[in-house]
Amino acid sequence: MKDVRAKKHLGQHFLTDEAIAQRIGESLIHPNKYQGILEVGPGMGVMTKYTLEKYSNHDFRLIELDKESVLYLEKHYPSVKVYNEDFLTLDFTRIFDHEFAVIGNYPYNISSQIVFKVIDNRHLIPEMSGMFQKEVAERICEVPGSKAYGVISVLTQAFFNAEYLFTVPENVFNPPPKVKSGVLRLVRRDDPIDCDYGVFKHIVKTAFNQRRKMLRKSLKPLFDPKTLTQEIFTKRPEQLSVDDFVSLVNMRQPR
C-alpha cells in the first residue's frame, strides 16, 4: 500500500525521524498506573510501533480521523483496534472500561482542545505525552511570572505535573511545519486542587481575559467590594500560582 498523503485541513505533518519517533513513543513513565493506551493521530504509525513494543502488556488503541490513514494502519497493524473518529467528540467509556494514557503527535490546530478534554477526563487519564507546537508545549509548562503563563498553564497544572521534554526541528516532518515542535509529558497529580472546578475555571478565564489589568478590575463582577480590598487583588493574573487561584475560589461568596 502506498504512503498516506498529508492533508493540510487535518493539520497533518508526518514525522520521518525514527529516533525521535522512538523517544516520543516510549515517553510514558508510569505504565503501571493504567491498563490502556490511546494514540491520537498516528498517521502512518511511525510512533505506533515503538509504543506498541514498549508497552506490549497494555490494551493499545488508535484514533485517527483521516480515513486513508485508517486503512494504512489497519493493514500494517492488524492486531490493533483503530477508531476512525474525532478525539474531541469521543466518549472514552465506549472504548475503555479502565484508566488509560494518551500519547500522540497531536494536530497543532486542535492541540489545546485535546489538552482541555484530557483535563475534563482526568479521572480516566493518569498520564499524557506527545508532540505539540513548541509554543503551546512551553505555555502548558510555564510558571507564574512569565508572559506565556496563561489559562492553559493554570488549568493543566491544577491537575497534572507538566514537564517539557525536548524540542523537535521542522526538517524531520513531511511536509515540514512552519514552526518548531515540543514534546511534553503530563502526569496526574496526587494532590490536585480541592475546590469547585467550574468556579475555578471561570475565575481563571475571567482574570486572563484582561491579563494586563489588576485582579481588582478584571474580577470586580465576581467578588464583593470588601473582598476586593485584599492584597491579592492588586496583582495581575500571571503573578498568581495555581494555589493562589484556589484561594480566590475560596474567597468568593456563593451567589
Protein backbone atom coordinates (compact mmCIF):
# COMPACT_ATOMS: atom_id res chain seq x y z
CA MET A 1 0.00 0.00 0.00
CA LYS A 2 1.31 3.45 -0.89
CA ASP A 3 2.16 6.02 1.75
CA VAL A 4 -0.57 8.30 3.04
CA ARG A 5 -0.77 11.83 1.64
CA ALA A 6 -0.63 14.50 4.36
CA LYS A 7 -3.78 16.62 4.40
CA LYS A 8 -3.49 20.29 5.22
CA HIS A 9 -7.06 20.67 6.52
CA LEU A 10 -6.33 18.00 9.15
CA GLY A 11 -3.06 19.66 10.18
CA GLN A 12 -1.08 16.54 9.24
CA HIS A 13 2.72 16.67 9.36
CA PHE A 14 4.15 13.16 9.32
CA LEU A 15 7.22 12.61 11.49
CA THR A 16 10.02 10.96 9.47
CA ASP A 17 12.82 10.70 12.06
CA GLU A 18 12.78 7.22 13.59
CA ALA A 19 14.93 8.16 16.60
CA ILE A 20 12.61 10.99 17.58
CA ALA A 21 9.57 8.78 16.96
CA GLN A 22 11.03 6.22 19.36
CA ARG A 23 11.73 8.83 22.05
CA ILE A 24 8.15 10.07 21.92
CA GLY A 25 6.65 6.61 21.59
CA GLU A 26 8.47 5.49 24.74
CA SER A 27 7.89 8.70 26.74
CA LEU A 28 5.23 7.38 29.12
CA ILE A 29 6.84 6.72 32.51
CA HIS A 30 4.09 5.31 34.75
CA PRO A 31 2.60 2.43 32.75
CA ASN A 32 1.90 0.51 35.96
CA LYS A 33 -0.81 3.06 36.82
CA TYR A 34 -3.15 2.17 33.95
CA GLN A 35 -4.11 -0.67 31.63
CA GLY A 36 -4.80 1.15 28.37
CA ILE A 37 -3.02 3.46 25.92
CA LEU A 38 -4.72 5.57 23.27
CA GLU A 39 -2.58 7.02 20.48
CA VAL A 40 -4.05 10.11 18.84
CA GLY A 41 -3.38 10.90 15.17
CA PRO A 42 -0.94 8.06 14.40
CA GLY A 43 -0.87 8.79 10.65
CA MET A 44 1.31 6.02 9.20
CA GLY A 45 2.26 4.63 12.60
CA VAL A 46 5.84 5.92 12.86
CA MET A 47 5.45 6.16 16.67
CA THR A 48 2.97 3.33 16.94
CA LYS A 49 5.48 0.52 16.52
CA TYR A 50 7.65 1.82 19.36
CA THR A 51 4.74 2.42 21.74
CA LEU A 52 3.28 -0.97 20.93
CA GLU A 53 6.60 -2.71 21.59
CA LYS A 54 7.47 -0.75 24.74
CA TYR A 55 4.06 -1.17 26.39
CA SER A 56 3.15 -4.56 24.97
CA ASN A 57 1.16 -5.59 28.05
CA HIS A 58 -1.32 -2.73 27.63
CA ASP A 59 -4.68 -2.51 25.91
CA PHE A 60 -3.50 -0.40 22.97
CA ARG A 61 -5.88 1.53 20.68
CA LEU A 62 -5.53 4.12 17.91
CA ILE A 63 -7.80 7.00 16.97
CA GLU A 64 -7.39 8.63 13.57
CA LEU A 65 -9.74 10.98 11.73
CA ASP A 66 -8.16 10.52 8.29
CA LYS A 67 -9.76 7.54 6.53
CA GLU A 68 -6.72 6.98 4.30
CA SER A 69 -4.52 6.70 7.39
CA VAL A 70 -7.01 4.32 9.00
CA LEU A 71 -6.79 1.95 6.02
CA TYR A 72 -2.98 2.11 6.16
CA LEU A 73 -2.93 1.41 9.91
CA GLU A 74 -5.39 -1.47 9.66
CA LYS A 75 -3.18 -3.09 7.03
CA HIS A 76 0.13 -2.60 8.89
CA TYR A 77 -1.15 -3.08 12.47
CA PRO A 78 -3.93 -5.66 12.07
CA SER A 79 -3.84 -6.62 15.76
CA VAL A 80 -4.63 -3.07 16.95
CA LYS A 81 -8.13 -1.59 17.06
CA VAL A 82 -8.32 1.66 15.05
CA TYR A 83 -11.17 4.13 15.60
CA ASN A 84 -11.96 6.39 12.64
CA GLU A 85 -13.33 9.13 14.89
CA ASP A 86 -12.70 12.61 16.25
CA PHE A 87 -10.86 12.58 19.59
CA LEU A 88 -12.67 15.74 20.68
CA THR A 89 -16.11 14.10 20.46
CA LEU A 90 -15.09 10.59 21.51
CA ASP A 91 -16.82 9.01 24.51
CA PHE A 92 -13.87 7.33 26.22
CA THR A 93 -16.05 4.99 28.25
CA ARG A 94 -17.21 3.42 24.99
CA ILE A 95 -13.73 2.10 24.20
CA PHE A 96 -12.13 1.64 27.64
CA ASP A 97 -13.56 0.31 30.88
CA HIS A 98 -10.36 1.19 32.76
CA GLU A 99 -7.86 4.04 33.04
CA PHE A 100 -5.60 4.78 30.09
CA ALA A 101 -2.79 7.06 28.93
CA VAL A 102 -2.94 9.35 25.90
CA ILE A 103 0.01 9.71 23.53
CA GLY A 104 0.43 11.20 20.07
CA ASN A 105 1.74 13.64 17.52
CA TYR A 106 -1.17 15.98 18.09
CA PRO A 107 -2.68 18.07 15.26
CA TYR A 108 -1.49 21.58 16.06
CA ASN A 109 -4.80 23.21 15.15
CA ILE A 110 -6.66 21.37 17.95
CA SER A 111 -3.86 20.55 20.41
CA SER A 112 -5.10 22.92 23.14
CA GLN A 113 -8.60 21.46 22.85
CA ILE A 114 -7.11 17.99 23.21
CA VAL A 115 -5.43 19.02 26.47
CA PHE A 116 -8.66 20.55 27.78
CA LYS A 117 -10.52 17.32 27.00
CA VAL A 118 -7.86 15.35 28.89
CA ILE A 119 -8.29 17.71 31.86
CA ASP A 120 -12.06 17.21 31.78
CA ASN A 121 -11.46 13.43 31.80
CA ARG A 122 -8.62 13.45 34.33
CA HIS A 123 -10.33 10.77 36.41
CA LEU A 124 -9.70 8.38 33.49
CA ILE A 125 -6.29 9.60 32.30
CA PRO A 126 -3.31 9.40 34.70
CA GLU A 127 -0.71 10.32 32.07
CA MET A 128 -0.34 12.03 28.71
CA SER A 129 2.66 12.67 26.48
CA GLY A 130 3.37 13.70 22.93
CA MET A 131 4.23 16.42 20.46
CA PHE A 132 2.74 19.89 20.19
CA GLN A 133 3.62 23.15 18.55
CA LYS A 134 6.61 24.31 20.63
CA GLU A 135 4.88 27.48 21.75
CA VAL A 136 1.88 25.56 23.06
CA ALA A 137 4.02 22.95 24.84
CA GLU A 138 6.02 25.70 26.53
CA ARG A 139 2.88 27.58 27.54
CA ILE A 140 1.41 24.49 29.18
CA CYS A 141 4.58 24.03 31.26
CA GLU A 142 5.11 27.73 32.01
CA VAL A 143 5.42 29.09 35.58
CA PRO A 144 3.93 32.23 37.18
CA GLY A 145 5.64 35.47 36.27
CA SER A 146 6.05 34.66 32.58
CA LYS A 147 4.21 36.40 29.77
CA ALA A 148 3.44 32.98 28.30
CA TYR A 149 1.78 31.79 31.53
CA GLY A 150 -1.96 31.70 30.99
CA VAL A 151 -5.24 29.82 31.15
CA ILE A 152 -3.93 26.52 29.77
CA SER A 153 -0.93 26.65 32.13
CA VAL A 154 -3.11 27.07 35.23
CA LEU A 155 -5.87 24.63 34.29
CA THR A 156 -3.37 21.92 33.30
CA GLN A 157 -1.12 22.34 36.32
CA ALA A 158 -4.12 22.26 38.66
CA PHE A 159 -4.33 18.53 37.97
CA PHE A 160 -1.12 17.45 36.22
CA ASN A 161 2.61 17.85 36.70
CA ALA A 162 3.82 19.23 33.37
CA GLU A 163 7.32 18.59 32.02
CA TYR A 164 8.79 19.90 28.76
CA LEU A 165 10.95 17.07 27.41
CA PHE A 166 12.67 18.25 24.21
CA THR A 167 12.36 20.36 21.06
CA VAL A 168 11.87 18.91 17.56
CA PRO A 169 13.06 20.83 14.46
CA GLU A 170 10.91 21.45 11.40
CA ASN A 171 13.00 19.38 8.97
CA VAL A 172 12.05 15.97 10.40
CA PHE A 173 8.48 16.18 9.11
CA ASN A 174 6.81 15.66 5.76
CA PRO A 175 5.64 18.26 4.94
CA PRO A 176 7.72 20.45 7.28
CA PRO A 177 5.59 22.70 9.54
CA LYS A 178 6.39 26.40 9.72
CA VAL A 179 7.12 26.17 13.45
CA LYS A 180 9.25 24.10 15.80
CA SER A 181 7.63 21.38 17.86
CA GLY A 182 7.95 20.48 21.51
CA VAL A 183 7.37 17.20 23.36
CA LEU A 184 5.89 17.27 26.83
CA ARG A 185 4.61 14.87 29.45
CA LEU A 186 1.72 15.34 31.87
CA VAL A 187 1.39 13.12 34.94
CA ARG A 188 -1.72 13.38 37.07
CA ARG A 189 -1.03 14.98 40.44
CA ASP A 190 -1.51 13.06 43.66
CA ASP A 191 -2.61 16.36 45.23
CA PRO A 192 -4.89 18.07 42.70
CA ILE A 193 -6.78 21.22 43.61
CA ASP A 194 -9.67 20.75 46.00
CA CYS A 195 -12.33 23.29 45.08
CA ASP A 196 -15.24 23.76 42.71
CA TYR A 197 -13.61 23.28 39.30
CA GLY A 198 -16.34 25.18 37.46
CA VAL A 199 -15.79 28.26 39.62
CA PHE A 200 -12.01 27.82 39.43
CA LYS A 201 -12.06 27.70 35.62
CA HIS A 202 -14.41 30.71 35.42
CA ILE A 203 -12.16 32.82 37.66
CA VAL A 204 -9.00 31.83 35.76
CA LYS A 205 -10.52 32.59 32.35
CA THR A 206 -12.05 35.88 33.53
CA ALA A 207 -8.75 37.02 35.01
CA PHE A 208 -6.70 36.23 31.91
CA ASN A 209 -9.26 37.80 29.59
CA GLN A 210 -7.84 41.10 30.87
CA ARG A 211 -4.36 39.93 31.78
CA ARG A 212 -2.83 43.43 31.86
CA LYS A 213 -5.28 44.62 34.50
CA MET A 214 -5.10 44.11 38.23
CA LEU A 215 -7.47 41.45 39.52
CA ARG A 216 -9.38 44.18 41.35
CA LYS A 217 -10.55 45.36 37.93
CA SER A 218 -10.90 42.15 35.97
CA LEU A 219 -12.62 40.18 38.77
CA LYS A 220 -14.80 43.01 40.06
CA PRO A 221 -18.06 41.39 38.86
CA LEU A 222 -17.26 38.19 40.77
CA PHE A 223 -16.42 39.49 44.26
CA ASP A 224 -17.96 41.83 46.79
CA PRO A 225 -16.26 45.23 47.35
CA LYS A 226 -14.83 44.29 50.75
CA THR A 227 -13.13 41.16 49.42
CA LEU A 228 -11.62 43.15 46.55
CA THR A 229 -9.62 45.24 49.07
CA GLN A 230 -7.39 42.26 49.91
CA GLU A 231 -3.79 42.44 48.70
CA ILE A 232 -4.07 39.56 46.23
CA PHE A 233 -6.37 41.71 44.07
CA THR A 234 -3.55 44.21 43.44
CA LYS A 235 -1.78 41.56 41.37
CA ARG A 236 -2.14 40.60 37.72
CA PRO A 237 -3.18 37.07 36.78
CA GLU A 238 0.25 35.95 35.53
CA GLN A 239 1.61 36.59 39.05
CA LEU A 240 -0.69 34.02 40.65
CA SER A 241 0.11 30.36 41.24
CA VAL A 242 -2.46 27.59 40.97
CA ASP A 243 -2.86 27.70 44.75
CA ASP A 244 -3.48 31.45 44.60
CA PHE A 245 -6.35 30.87 42.20
CA VAL A 246 -7.73 28.22 44.57
CA SER A 247 -7.60 30.87 47.33
CA LEU A 248 -9.69 33.15 45.14
CA VAL A 249 -12.29 30.41 44.73
CA ASN A 250 -12.47 30.04 48.50
CA MET A 251 -12.86 33.82 48.96
CA ARG A 252 -15.82 34.04 46.65
CA GLN A 253 -19.22 34.15 48.27
CA PRO A 254 -21.86 31.85 46.76
CA ARG A 255 -24.41 33.77 44.68
